[in-house]
Amino acid sequence: MQVGDLVRNVGSVRTNDAVNEIRGWSPVGPGHVGVVLDVRPDTLNNPPLFDYVDVMLSVDGCSVRCGNYAATTFEVIA
């Protein structure tokens, strides 16, 4: 997974209500499409378990930012 990849969430995610005032802490169900904004390696575990990603999803016509999620929460579609 790389910055700029088009992804779909495979499980429910929650948003940061400080970033997404419109949705608050409401869950976003699986199947929404978005773009990867940032990818960071796991530096807390040895061996590393997975990368962490920030993704901007499109949900009902609104942009919803999901931050610091395991990369396995999303699947690359393009």
PDB file of N, CA and C in Angstrom:
ATOM      1  N   MET A   1       0.851  -1.170   0.000  1.00  0.00           N
ATOM      2  CA  MET A   1       0.000   0.000   0.000  1.00  0.00           C
ATOM      3  C   MET A   1       0.898   1.234   0.000  1.00  0.00           C
ATOM      4  N   GLN A   2       0.518   2.205  -0.850  1.00  0.00           N
ATOM      5  CA  GLN A   2       1.320   3.422  -0.998  1.00  0.00           C
ATOM      6  C   GLN A   2       0.422   4.650  -0.947  1.00  0.00           C
ATOM      7  N   VAL A   3       1.031   5.786  -0.666  1.00  0.00           N
ATOM      8  CA  VAL A   3       0.304   7.054  -0.705  1.00  0.00           C
ATOM      9  C   VAL A   3      -0.279   7.232  -2.108  1.00  0.00           C
ATOM     10  N   GLY A   4      -1.559   7.602  -2.165  1.00  0.00           N
ATOM     11  CA  GLY A   4      -2.228   7.810  -3.445  1.00  0.00           C
ATOM     12  C   GLY A   4      -3.026   6.623  -3.931  1.00  0.00           C
ATOM     13  N   ASP A   5      -2.851   5.447  -3.309  1.00  0.00           N
ATOM     14  CA  ASP A   5      -3.631   4.268  -3.707  1.00  0.00           C
ATOM     15  C   ASP A   5      -5.106   4.487  -3.405  1.00  0.00           C
ATOM     16  N   LEU A   6      -5.952   3.966  -4.277  1.00  0.00           N
ATOM     17  CA  LEU A   6      -7.394   3.965  -4.063  1.00  0.00           C
ATOM     18  C   LEU A   6      -7.722   2.716  -3.259  1.00  0.00           C
ATOM     19  N   VAL A   7      -8.419   2.884  -2.130  1.00  0.00           N
ATOM     20  CA  VAL A   7      -8.687   1.758  -1.226  1.00  0.00           C
ATOM     21  C   VAL A   7     -10.168   1.719  -0.837  1.00  0.00           C
ATOM     22  N   ARG A   8     -10.570   0.570  -0.293  1.00  0.00           N
ATOM     23  CA  ARG A   8     -11.917   0.376   0.243  1.00  0.00           C
ATOM     24  C   ARG A   8     -11.765  -0.183   1.646  1.00  0.00           C
ATOM     25  N   ASN A   9     -12.551   0.322   2.605  1.00  0.00           N
ATOM     26  CA  ASN A   9     -12.459  -0.242   3.952  1.00  0.00           C
ATOM     27  C   ASN A   9     -13.185  -1.576   3.996  1.00  0.00           C
ATOM     28  N   VAL A  10     -12.553  -2.569   4.613  1.00  0.00           N
ATOM     29  CA  VAL A  10     -13.108  -3.921   4.684  1.00  0.00           C
ATOM     30  C   VAL A  10     -13.834  -4.170   6.004  1.00  0.00           C
ATOM     31  N   GLY A  11     -13.723  -3.254   6.925  1.00  0.00           N
ATOM     32  CA  GLY A  11     -14.420  -3.329   8.206  1.00  0.00           C
ATOM     33  C   GLY A  11     -14.853  -1.937   8.619  1.00  0.00           C
ATOM     34  N   SER A  12     -15.661  -1.863   9.657  1.00  0.00           N
ATOM     35  CA  SER A  12     -16.094  -0.553  10.152  1.00  0.00           C
ATOM     36  C   SER A  12     -14.911   0.215  10.728  1.00  0.00           C
ATOM     37  N   VAL A  13     -14.910   1.504  10.486  1.00  0.00           N
ATOM     38  CA  VAL A  13     -13.885   2.380  11.044  1.00  0.00           C
ATOM     39  C   VAL A  13     -14.587   3.528  11.757  1.00  0.00           C
ATOM     40  N   ARG A  14     -13.885   4.152  12.668  1.00  0.00           N
ATOM     41  CA  ARG A  14     -14.421   5.326  13.351  1.00  0.00           C
ATOM     42  C   ARG A  14     -13.554   6.516  12.997  1.00  0.00           C
ATOM     43  N   THR A  15     -14.172   7.658  13.003  1.00  0.00           N
ATOM     44  CA  THR A  15     -13.459   8.870  12.637  1.00  0.00           C
ATOM     45  C   THR A  15     -13.096   9.649  13.883  1.00  0.00           C
ATOM     46  N   ASN A  16     -12.199  10.563  13.724  1.00  0.00           N
ATOM     47  CA  ASN A  16     -11.809  11.454  14.803  1.00  0.00           C
ATOM     48  C   ASN A  16     -12.768  12.635  14.790  1.00  0.00           C
ATOM     49  N   ASP A  17     -13.584  12.790  15.847  1.00  0.00           N
ATOM     50  CA  ASP A  17     -14.585  13.849  15.833  1.00  0.00           C
ATOM     51  C   ASP A  17     -13.978  15.250  15.834  1.00  0.00           C
ATOM     52  N   ALA A  18     -12.725  15.385  16.222  1.00  0.00           N
ATOM     53  CA  ALA A  18     -12.065  16.687  16.152  1.00  0.00           C
ATOM     54  C   ALA A  18     -11.748  17.056  14.704  1.00  0.00           C
ATOM     55  N   VAL A  19     -11.596  16.038  13.854  1.00  0.00           N
ATOM     56  CA  VAL A  19     -11.290  16.262  12.442  1.00  0.00           C
ATOM     57  C   VAL A  19     -12.571  16.275  11.618  1.00  0.00           C
ATOM     58  N   ASN A  20     -13.540  15.439  11.984  1.00  0.00           N
ATOM     59  CA  ASN A  20     -14.772  15.279  11.211  1.00  0.00           C
ATOM     60  C   ASN A  20     -15.982  15.692  12.044  1.00  0.00           C
ATOM     61  N   GLU A  21     -16.189  16.985  12.167  1.00  0.00           N
ATOM     62  CA  GLU A  21     -17.274  17.487  12.993  1.00  0.00           C
ATOM     63  C   GLU A  21     -18.640  17.016  12.500  1.00  0.00           C
ATOM     64  N   ILE A  22     -18.785  16.789  11.204  1.00  0.00           N
ATOM     65  CA  ILE A  22     -20.078  16.398  10.636  1.00  0.00           C
ATOM     66  C   ILE A  22     -20.509  15.024  11.135  1.00  0.00           C
ATOM     67  N   ARG A  23     -19.606  14.064  11.178  1.00  0.00           N
ATOM     68  CA  ARG A  23     -19.953  12.703  11.561  1.00  0.00           C
ATOM     69  C   ARG A  23     -19.727  12.421  13.038  1.00  0.00           C
ATOM     70  N   GLY A  24     -18.875  13.194  13.691  1.00  0.00           N
ATOM     71  CA  GLY A  24     -18.568  12.900  15.076  1.00  0.00           C
ATOM     72  C   GLY A  24     -17.896  11.547  15.204  1.00  0.00           C
ATOM     73  N   TRP A  25     -18.283  10.775  16.187  1.00  0.00           N
ATOM     74  CA  TRP A  25     -17.665   9.471  16.448  1.00  0.00           C
ATOM     75  C   TRP A  25     -18.465   8.349  15.799  1.00  0.00           C
ATOM     76  N   SER A  26     -19.323   8.665  14.847  1.00  0.00           N
ATOM     77  CA  SER A  26     -20.161   7.670  14.179  1.00  0.00           C
ATOM     78  C   SER A  26     -19.308   6.694  13.386  1.00  0.00           C
ATOM     79  N   PRO A  27     -19.650   5.395  13.447  1.00  0.00           N
ATOM     80  CA  PRO A  27     -18.885   4.422  12.661  1.00  0.00           C
ATOM     81  C   PRO A  27     -19.187   4.556  11.171  1.00  0.00           C
ATOM     82  N   VAL A  28     -18.198   4.236  10.375  1.00  0.00           N
ATOM     83  CA  VAL A  28     -18.343   4.190   8.924  1.00  0.00           C
ATOM     84  C   VAL A  28     -18.276   2.726   8.542  1.00  0.00           C
ATOM     85  N   GLY A  29     -19.347   2.202   7.984  1.00  0.00           N
ATOM     86  CA  GLY A  29     -19.416   0.786   7.619  1.00  0.00           C
ATOM     87  C   GLY A  29     -18.475   0.436   6.484  1.00  0.00           C
ATOM     88  N   PRO A  30     -18.250  -0.859   6.279  1.00  0.00           N
ATOM     89  CA  PRO A  30     -17.348  -1.296   5.213  1.00  0.00           C
ATOM     90  C   PRO A  30     -17.881  -0.964   3.823  1.00  0.00           C
ATOM     91  N   GLY A  31     -16.956  -0.862   2.871  1.00  0.00           N
ATOM     92  CA  GLY A  31     -17.320  -0.672   1.478  1.00  0.00           C
ATOM     93  C   GLY A  31     -17.166   0.728   0.937  1.00  0.00           C
ATOM     94  N   HIS A  32     -16.651   1.661   1.729  1.00  0.00           N
ATOM     95  CA  HIS A  32     -16.460   3.023   1.248  1.00  0.00           C
ATOM     96  C   HIS A  32     -15.073   3.176   0.631  1.00  0.00           C
ATOM     97  N   VAL A  33     -14.998   3.987  -0.402  1.00  0.00           N
ATOM     98  CA  VAL A  33     -13.766   4.168  -1.173  1.00  0.00           C
ATOM     99  C   VAL A  33     -13.060   5.438  -0.721  1.00  0.00           C
ATOM    100  N   GLY A  34     -11.737   5.378  -0.730  1.00  0.00           N
ATOM    101  CA  GLY A  34     -10.946   6.540  -0.349  1.00  0.00           C
ATOM    102  C   GLY A  34      -9.547   6.489  -0.910  1.00  0.00           C
ATOM    103  N   VAL A  35      -8.747   7.474  -0.510  1.00  0.00           N
ATOM    104  CA  VAL A  35      -7.368   7.607  -0.978  1.00  0.00           C
ATOM    105  C   VAL A  35      -6.438   7.571   0.228  1.00  0.00           C
ATOM    106  N   VAL A  36      -5.322   6.855   0.086  1.00  0.00           N
ATOM    107  CA  VAL A  36      -4.317   6.773   1.150  1.00  0.00           C
ATOM    108  C   VAL A  36      -3.545   8.090   1.193  1.00  0.00           C
ATOM    109  N   LEU A  37      -3.515   8.701   2.386  1.00  0.00           N
ATOM    110  CA  LEU A  37      -2.814   9.976   2.569  1.00  0.00           C
ATOM    111  C   LEU A  37      -1.407   9.798   3.121  1.00  0.00           C
ATOM    112  N   ASP A  38      -1.212   8.771   3.955  1.00  0.00           N
ATOM    113  CA  ASP A  38       0.085   8.571   4.595  1.00  0.00           C
ATOM    114  C   ASP A  38       0.219   7.104   4.986  1.00  0.00           C
ATOM    115  N   VAL A  39       1.430   6.582   4.919  1.00  0.00           N
ATOM    116  CA  VAL A  39       1.749   5.211   5.340  1.00  0.00           C
ATOM    117  C   VAL A  39       2.957   5.282   6.254  1.00  0.00           C
ATOM    118  N   ARG A  40       2.834   4.669   7.446  1.00  0.00           N
ATOM    119  CA  ARG A  40       3.935   4.666   8.413  1.00  0.00           C
ATOM    120  C   ARG A  40       4.220   3.241   8.859  1.00  0.00           C
ATOM    121  N   PRO A  41       5.478   2.888   9.003  1.00  0.00           N
ATOM    122  CA  PRO A  41       5.812   1.534   9.470  1.00  0.00           C
ATOM    123  C   PRO A  41       5.513   1.377  10.959  1.00  0.00           C
ATOM    124  N   ASP A  42       5.289   0.150  11.365  1.00  0.00           N
ATOM    125  CA  ASP A  42       5.086  -0.190  12.774  1.00  0.00           C
ATOM    126  C   ASP A  42       6.445  -0.169  13.455  1.00  0.00           C
ATOM    127  N   THR A  43       6.630   0.761  14.386  1.00  0.00           N
ATOM    128  CA  THR A  43       7.903   0.858  15.105  1.00  0.00           C
ATOM    129  C   THR A  43       7.761   0.411  16.559  1.00  0.00           C
ATOM    130  N   LEU A  44       6.567  -0.034  16.938  1.00  0.00           N
ATOM    131  CA  LEU A  44       6.316  -0.407  18.329  1.00  0.00           C
ATOM    132  C   LEU A  44       6.501  -1.897  18.601  1.00  0.00           C
ATOM    133  N   ASN A  45       6.359  -2.710  17.586  1.00  0.00           N
ATOM    134  CA  ASN A  45       6.435  -4.163  17.769  1.00  0.00           C
ATOM    135  C   ASN A  45       7.662  -4.729  17.077  1.00  0.00           C
ATOM    136  N   ASN A  46       8.212  -5.787  17.651  1.00  0.00           N
ATOM    137  CA  ASN A  46       9.359  -6.454  17.056  1.00  0.00           C
ATOM    138  C   ASN A  46       9.074  -7.948  17.013  1.00  0.00           C
ATOM    139  N   PRO A  47       8.805  -8.510  15.869  1.00  0.00           N
ATOM    140  CA  PRO A  47       8.836  -7.926  14.529  1.00  0.00           C
ATOM    141  C   PRO A  47       7.610  -7.044  14.282  1.00  0.00           C
ATOM    142  N   PRO A  48       7.712  -6.132  13.316  1.00  0.00           N
ATOM    143  CA  PRO A  48       6.574  -5.270  12.985  1.00  0.00           C
ATOM    144  C   PRO A  48       5.366  -6.105  12.556  1.00  0.00           C
ATOM    145  N   LEU A  49       4.179  -5.673  12.958  1.00  0.00           N
ATOM    146  CA  LEU A  49       2.958  -6.409  12.631  1.00  0.00           C
ATOM    147  C   LEU A  49       2.335  -5.944  11.320  1.00  0.00           C
ATOM    148  N   PHE A  50       2.288  -4.638  11.114  1.00  0.00           N
ATOM    149  CA  PHE A  50       1.678  -4.077   9.907  1.00  0.00           C
ATOM    150  C   PHE A  50       2.016  -2.595   9.831  1.00  0.00           C
ATOM    151  N   ASP A  51       1.742  -1.988   8.677  1.00  0.00           N
ATOM    152  CA  ASP A  51       1.909  -0.546   8.531  1.00  0.00           C
ATOM    153  C   ASP A  51       0.662   0.155   9.057  1.00  0.00           C
ATOM    154  N   TYR A  52       0.812   1.422   9.396  1.00  0.00           N
ATOM    155  CA  TYR A  52      -0.318   2.265   9.791  1.00  0.00           C
ATOM    156  C   TYR A  52      -0.593   3.248   8.668  1.00  0.00           C
ATOM    157  N   VAL A  53      -1.875   3.537   8.428  1.00  0.00           N
ATOM    158  CA  VAL A  53      -2.243   4.414   7.324  1.00  0.00           C
ATOM    159  C   VAL A  53      -3.238   5.476   7.766  1.00  0.00           C
ATOM    160  N   ASP A  54      -3.217   6.602   7.057  1.00  0.00           N
ATOM    161  CA  ASP A  54      -4.254   7.624   7.141  1.00  0.00           C
ATOM    162  C   ASP A  54      -4.969   7.587   5.798  1.00  0.00           C
ATOM    163  N   VAL A  55      -6.306   7.587   5.836  1.00  0.00           N
ATOM    164  CA  VAL A  55      -7.099   7.480   4.621  1.00  0.00           C
ATOM    165  C   VAL A  55      -8.203   8.530   4.644  1.00  0.00           C
ATOM    166  N   MET A  56      -8.453   9.141   3.491  1.00  0.00           N
ATOM    167  CA  MET A  56      -9.588  10.043   3.326  1.00  0.00           C
ATOM    168  C   MET A  56     -10.651   9.277   2.541  1.00  0.00           C
ATOM    169  N   LEU A  57     -11.780   8.968   3.225  1.00  0.00           N
ATOM    170  CA  LEU A  57     -12.877   8.232   2.605  1.00  0.00           C
ATOM    171  C   LEU A  57     -13.943   9.191   2.098  1.00  0.00           C
ATOM    172  N   SER A  58     -14.683   8.744   1.110  1.00  0.00           N
ATOM    173  CA  SER A  58     -15.858   9.458   0.646  1.00  0.00           C
ATOM    174  C   SER A  58     -17.076   8.729   1.200  1.00  0.00           C
ATOM    175  N   VAL A  59     -17.846   9.405   2.066  1.00  0.00           N
ATOM    176  CA  VAL A  59     -19.007   8.803   2.709  1.00  0.00           C
ATOM    177  C   VAL A  59     -20.208   9.722   2.505  1.00  0.00           C
ATOM    178  N   ASP A  60     -21.161   9.260   1.723  1.00  0.00           N
ATOM    179  CA  ASP A  60     -22.385  10.030   1.451  1.00  0.00           C
ATOM    180  C   ASP A  60     -22.073  11.441   0.964  1.00  0.00           C
ATOM    181  N   GLY A  61     -21.086  11.555   0.099  1.00  0.00           N
ATOM    182  CA  GLY A  61     -20.726  12.844  -0.476  1.00  0.00           C
ATOM    183  C   GLY A  61     -19.858  13.725   0.396  1.00  0.00           C
ATOM    184  N   CYS A  62     -19.483  13.240   1.578  1.00  0.00           N
ATOM    185  CA  CYS A  62     -18.618  14.003   2.481  1.00  0.00           C
ATOM    186  C   CYS A  62     -17.256  13.332   2.596  1.00  0.00           C
ATOM    187  N   SER A  63     -16.224  14.126   2.798  1.00  0.00           N
ATOM    188  CA  SER A  63     -14.887  13.591   3.037  1.00  0.00           C
ATOM    189  C   SER A  63     -14.751  13.244   4.510  1.00  0.00           C
ATOM    190  N   VAL A  64     -14.293  12.033   4.785  1.00  0.00           N
ATOM    191  CA  VAL A  64     -14.121  11.567   6.162  1.00  0.00           C
ATOM    192  C   VAL A  64     -12.703  11.048   6.316  1.00  0.00           C
ATOM    193  N   ARG A  65     -11.953  11.650   7.229  1.00  0.00           N
ATOM    194  CA  ARG A  65     -10.557  11.246   7.445  1.00  0.00           C
ATOM    195  C   ARG A  65     -10.477  10.184   8.544  1.00  0.00           C
ATOM    196  N   CYS A  66      -9.800   9.099   8.227  1.00  0.00           N
ATOM    197  CA  CYS A  66      -9.553   8.026   9.189  1.00  0.00           C
ATOM    198  C   CYS A  66      -8.046   7.959   9.398  1.00  0.00           C
ATOM    199  N   GLY A  67      -7.600   8.137  10.625  1.00  0.00           N
ATOM    200  CA  GLY A  67      -6.176   8.210  10.882  1.00  0.00           C
ATOM    201  C   GLY A  67      -5.657   7.103  11.765  1.00  0.00           C
ATOM    202  N   ASN A  68      -4.430   6.692  11.467  1.00  0.00           N
ATOM    203  CA  ASN A  68      -3.683   5.736  12.283  1.00  0.00           C
ATOM    204  C   ASN A  68      -4.340   4.356  12.366  1.00  0.00           C
ATOM    205  N   TYR A  69      -4.836   3.877  11.243  1.00  0.00           N
ATOM    206  CA  TYR A  69      -5.435   2.548  11.171  1.00  0.00           C
ATOM    207  C   TYR A  69      -4.431   1.548  10.628  1.00  0.00           C
ATOM    208  N   ALA A  70      -4.581   0.292  11.024  1.00  0.00           N
ATOM    209  CA  ALA A  70      -3.774  -0.775  10.449  1.00  0.00           C
ATOM    210  C   ALA A  70      -4.078  -0.864   8.966  1.00  0.00           C
ATOM    211  N   ALA A  71      -3.057  -1.032   8.159  1.00  0.00           N
ATOM    212  CA  ALA A  71      -3.240  -1.112   6.718  1.00  0.00           C
ATOM    213  C   ALA A  71      -4.177  -2.244   6.324  1.00  0.00           C
ATOM    214  N   THR A  72      -4.275  -3.278   7.147  1.00  0.00           N
ATOM    215  CA  THR A  72      -5.142  -4.424   6.850  1.00  0.00           C
ATOM    216  C   THR A  72      -6.631  -4.076   6.955  1.00  0.00           C
ATOM    217  N   THR A  73      -6.964  -2.891   7.464  1.00  0.00           N
ATOM    218  CA  THR A  73      -8.348  -2.439   7.554  1.00  0.00           C
ATOM    219  C   THR A  73      -8.866  -2.033   6.181  1.00  0.00           C
ATOM    220  N   PHE A  74      -7.953  -1.829   5.222  1.00  0.00           N
ATOM    221  CA  PHE A  74      -8.310  -1.371   3.897  1.00  0.00           C
ATOM    222  C   PHE A  74      -7.729  -2.316   2.850  1.00  0.00           C
ATOM    223  N   GLU A  75      -8.423  -2.422   1.707  1.00  0.00           N
ATOM    224  CA  GLU A  75      -7.891  -3.200   0.588  1.00  0.00           C
ATOM    225  C   GLU A  75      -7.662  -2.259  -0.588  1.00  0.00           C
ATOM    226  N   VAL A  76      -6.557  -2.461  -1.279  1.00  0.00           N
ATOM    227  CA  VAL A  76      -6.222  -1.631  -2.434  1.00  0.00           C
ATOM    228  C   VAL A  76      -7.093  -2.080  -3.603  1.00  0.00           C
ATOM    229  N   ILE A  77      -7.750  -1.114  -4.256  1.00  0.00           N
ATOM    230  CA  ILE A  77      -8.589  -1.449  -5.402  1.00  0.00           C
ATOM    231  C   ILE A  77      -8.054  -0.849  -6.697  1.00  0.00           C
ATOM    232  N   ALA A  78      -7.151   0.111  -6.601  1.00  0.00           N
ATOM    233  CA  ALA A  78      -6.525   0.668  -7.814  1.00  0.00           C
ATOM    234  C   ALA A  78      -5.265   1.429  -7.426  1.00  0.00           C
TER     235      ALA A  78
END
